[in-house]
Amino acid sequence: MAQPLSPDSSVAIRVAPLPPRKAASPPYRPFTMHLIPPSVSALARPSHNQTPSFPGL
């Protein structure tokens, strides 16, 4: 780690592939759905009448 410039250059390379968010959008969509807690699902589905109870929160 005596060469701080080396890690910096590697970080820049990793940041380069980050700009194309379009490629990261599709995989992120399903991930977010899985991350959504049951409380959010209940809010999205009022028919379940589970809005008053917030198990996720």
N, C-alpha and C. Protein backbone atom coordinates (compact mmCIF):
# COMPACT_ATOMS: atom_id res chain seq x y z
N MET A 1 0.84 -1.21 0.00
CA MET A 1 0.00 0.00 0.00
C MET A 1 0.87 1.25 0.00
N ALA A 2 2.15 1.06 -0.32
CA ALA A 2 3.06 2.20 -0.34
C ALA A 2 2.76 3.09 -1.54
N GLN A 3 2.06 2.55 -2.53
CA GLN A 3 1.72 3.33 -3.73
C GLN A 3 0.23 3.68 -3.70
N PRO A 4 -0.13 4.84 -3.14
CA PRO A 4 -1.54 5.25 -3.07
C PRO A 4 -2.12 5.52 -4.46
N LEU A 5 -1.21 5.77 -5.44
CA LEU A 5 -1.70 6.05 -6.79
C LEU A 5 -2.28 4.78 -7.42
N SER A 6 -1.73 3.64 -7.06
CA SER A 6 -2.21 2.38 -7.65
C SER A 6 -3.69 2.14 -7.30
N PRO A 7 -4.04 2.17 -6.02
CA PRO A 7 -5.44 1.96 -5.63
C PRO A 7 -6.35 3.02 -6.24
N ASP A 8 -5.85 4.24 -6.34
CA ASP A 8 -6.67 5.32 -6.92
C ASP A 8 -7.04 5.00 -8.36
N SER A 9 -6.06 4.52 -9.12
CA SER A 9 -6.31 4.22 -10.54
C SER A 9 -7.34 3.08 -10.64
N SER A 10 -7.24 2.09 -9.74
CA SER A 10 -8.18 0.96 -9.78
C SER A 10 -9.59 1.47 -9.44
N VAL A 11 -9.67 2.42 -8.55
CA VAL A 11 -10.98 2.97 -8.17
C VAL A 11 -11.60 3.68 -9.37
N ALA A 12 -10.77 4.40 -10.12
CA ALA A 12 -11.27 5.13 -11.29
C ALA A 12 -11.82 4.14 -12.32
N ILE A 13 -11.13 3.02 -12.47
CA ILE A 13 -11.58 2.01 -13.44
C ILE A 13 -12.93 1.44 -13.00
N ARG A 14 -13.10 1.27 -11.69
CA ARG A 14 -14.36 0.72 -11.17
C ARG A 14 -15.48 1.75 -11.32
N VAL A 15 -15.12 3.01 -11.25
CA VAL A 15 -16.14 4.07 -11.37
C VAL A 15 -16.57 4.22 -12.84
N ALA A 16 -15.68 3.87 -13.75
CA ALA A 16 -15.99 4.01 -15.18
C ALA A 16 -17.21 3.17 -15.57
N PRO A 17 -17.26 1.89 -15.21
CA PRO A 17 -18.40 1.05 -15.57
C PRO A 17 -19.67 1.43 -14.82
N LEU A 18 -19.57 2.32 -13.85
CA LEU A 18 -20.74 2.73 -13.07
C LEU A 18 -21.66 3.68 -13.85
N PRO A 19 -21.10 4.60 -14.64
CA PRO A 19 -21.94 5.55 -15.39
C PRO A 19 -23.10 4.90 -16.13
N PRO A 20 -22.90 3.80 -16.85
CA PRO A 20 -24.00 3.16 -17.58
C PRO A 20 -25.04 2.61 -16.61
N ARG A 21 -25.93 3.47 -16.13
CA ARG A 21 -26.95 3.01 -15.17
C ARG A 21 -28.01 2.17 -15.87
N LYS A 22 -28.16 2.35 -17.16
CA LYS A 22 -29.18 1.58 -17.91
C LYS A 22 -28.97 0.08 -17.70
N ALA A 23 -27.72 -0.34 -17.66
CA ALA A 23 -27.43 -1.77 -17.49
C ALA A 23 -27.73 -2.19 -16.06
N ALA A 24 -27.55 -1.28 -15.11
CA ALA A 24 -27.77 -1.62 -13.70
C ALA A 24 -29.24 -1.43 -13.32
N SER A 25 -30.01 -0.78 -14.18
CA SER A 25 -31.43 -0.54 -13.86
C SER A 25 -32.24 -1.84 -13.84
N PRO A 26 -32.16 -2.63 -14.91
CA PRO A 26 -32.95 -3.87 -14.96
C PRO A 26 -32.67 -4.80 -13.77
N PRO A 27 -31.40 -5.11 -13.46
CA PRO A 27 -31.11 -6.02 -12.34
C PRO A 27 -31.51 -5.40 -11.01
N TYR A 28 -31.48 -4.07 -10.92
CA TYR A 28 -31.81 -3.42 -9.65
C TYR A 28 -33.32 -3.48 -9.37
N ARG A 29 -34.13 -3.46 -10.44
CA ARG A 29 -35.60 -3.46 -10.26
C ARG A 29 -36.06 -4.68 -9.47
N PRO A 30 -35.68 -5.89 -9.91
CA PRO A 30 -36.11 -7.09 -9.18
C PRO A 30 -35.52 -7.13 -7.77
N PHE A 31 -34.31 -6.60 -7.64
CA PHE A 31 -33.66 -6.60 -6.32
C PHE A 31 -34.46 -5.75 -5.34
N THR A 32 -34.88 -4.56 -5.80
CA THR A 32 -35.63 -3.65 -4.92
C THR A 32 -36.93 -4.33 -4.50
N MET A 33 -37.57 -5.03 -5.43
CA MET A 33 -38.82 -5.71 -5.11
C MET A 33 -38.60 -6.72 -3.99
N HIS A 34 -37.47 -7.40 -4.04
CA HIS A 34 -37.17 -8.39 -3.00
C HIS A 34 -36.84 -7.69 -1.68
N LEU A 35 -36.25 -6.49 -1.79
CA LEU A 35 -35.86 -5.76 -0.58
C LEU A 35 -37.08 -5.13 0.10
N ILE A 36 -38.14 -4.87 -0.68
CA ILE A 36 -39.34 -4.25 -0.12
C ILE A 36 -39.89 -5.13 1.00
N PRO A 37 -40.02 -4.57 2.20
CA PRO A 37 -40.54 -5.33 3.33
C PRO A 37 -42.03 -5.64 3.17
N PRO A 38 -42.57 -6.56 3.95
CA PRO A 38 -43.99 -6.92 3.85
C PRO A 38 -44.89 -5.73 4.14
N SER A 39 -44.42 -4.81 4.96
CA SER A 39 -45.23 -3.63 5.31
C SER A 39 -45.53 -2.82 4.05
N VAL A 40 -44.52 -2.67 3.18
CA VAL A 40 -44.73 -1.91 1.93
C VAL A 40 -45.71 -2.65 1.04
N SER A 41 -45.59 -3.98 1.01
CA SER A 41 -46.50 -4.78 0.20
C SER A 41 -47.94 -4.57 0.68
N ALA A 42 -48.11 -4.55 1.99
CA ALA A 42 -49.45 -4.36 2.57
C ALA A 42 -49.99 -2.99 2.17
N LEU A 43 -49.10 -1.99 2.15
CA LEU A 43 -49.55 -0.64 1.78
C LEU A 43 -49.96 -0.61 0.31
N ALA A 44 -49.23 -1.35 -0.49
CA ALA A 44 -49.55 -1.39 -1.93
C ALA A 44 -50.85 -2.16 -2.16
N ARG A 45 -51.15 -3.10 -1.26
CA ARG A 45 -52.38 -3.91 -1.40
C ARG A 45 -53.32 -3.60 -0.23
N PRO A 46 -54.11 -2.54 -0.36
CA PRO A 46 -55.04 -2.16 0.71
C PRO A 46 -56.12 -3.22 0.92
N SER A 47 -56.35 -4.03 -0.09
CA SER A 47 -57.39 -5.07 0.02
C SER A 47 -57.03 -6.05 1.14
N HIS A 48 -55.73 -6.19 1.44
CA HIS A 48 -55.31 -7.11 2.49
C HIS A 48 -55.64 -6.55 3.88
N ASN A 49 -55.88 -5.24 3.93
CA ASN A 49 -56.23 -4.60 5.21
C ASN A 49 -55.11 -4.81 6.23
N GLN A 50 -53.88 -4.78 5.77
CA GLN A 50 -52.75 -4.95 6.69
C GLN A 50 -51.99 -3.64 6.85
N THR A 51 -52.61 -2.53 6.47
CA THR A 51 -51.95 -1.23 6.56
C THR A 51 -51.76 -0.81 8.01
N PRO A 52 -52.74 -1.02 8.91
CA PRO A 52 -52.61 -0.60 10.31
C PRO A 52 -51.45 -1.31 11.00
N SER A 53 -51.22 -2.59 10.64
CA SER A 53 -50.13 -3.34 11.28
C SER A 53 -48.86 -3.21 10.44
N PHE A 54 -47.79 -2.69 11.04
CA PHE A 54 -46.53 -2.50 10.30
C PHE A 54 -45.46 -3.44 10.84
N PRO A 55 -45.48 -4.70 10.44
CA PRO A 55 -44.47 -5.66 10.92
C PRO A 55 -43.07 -5.31 10.44
N GLY A 56 -43.00 -4.76 9.21
CA GLY A 56 -41.69 -4.38 8.65
C GLY A 56 -41.09 -3.21 9.41
N LEU A 57 -41.94 -2.22 9.71
CA LEU A 57 -41.44 -1.04 10.40
C LEU A 57 -41.27 -1.36 11.87
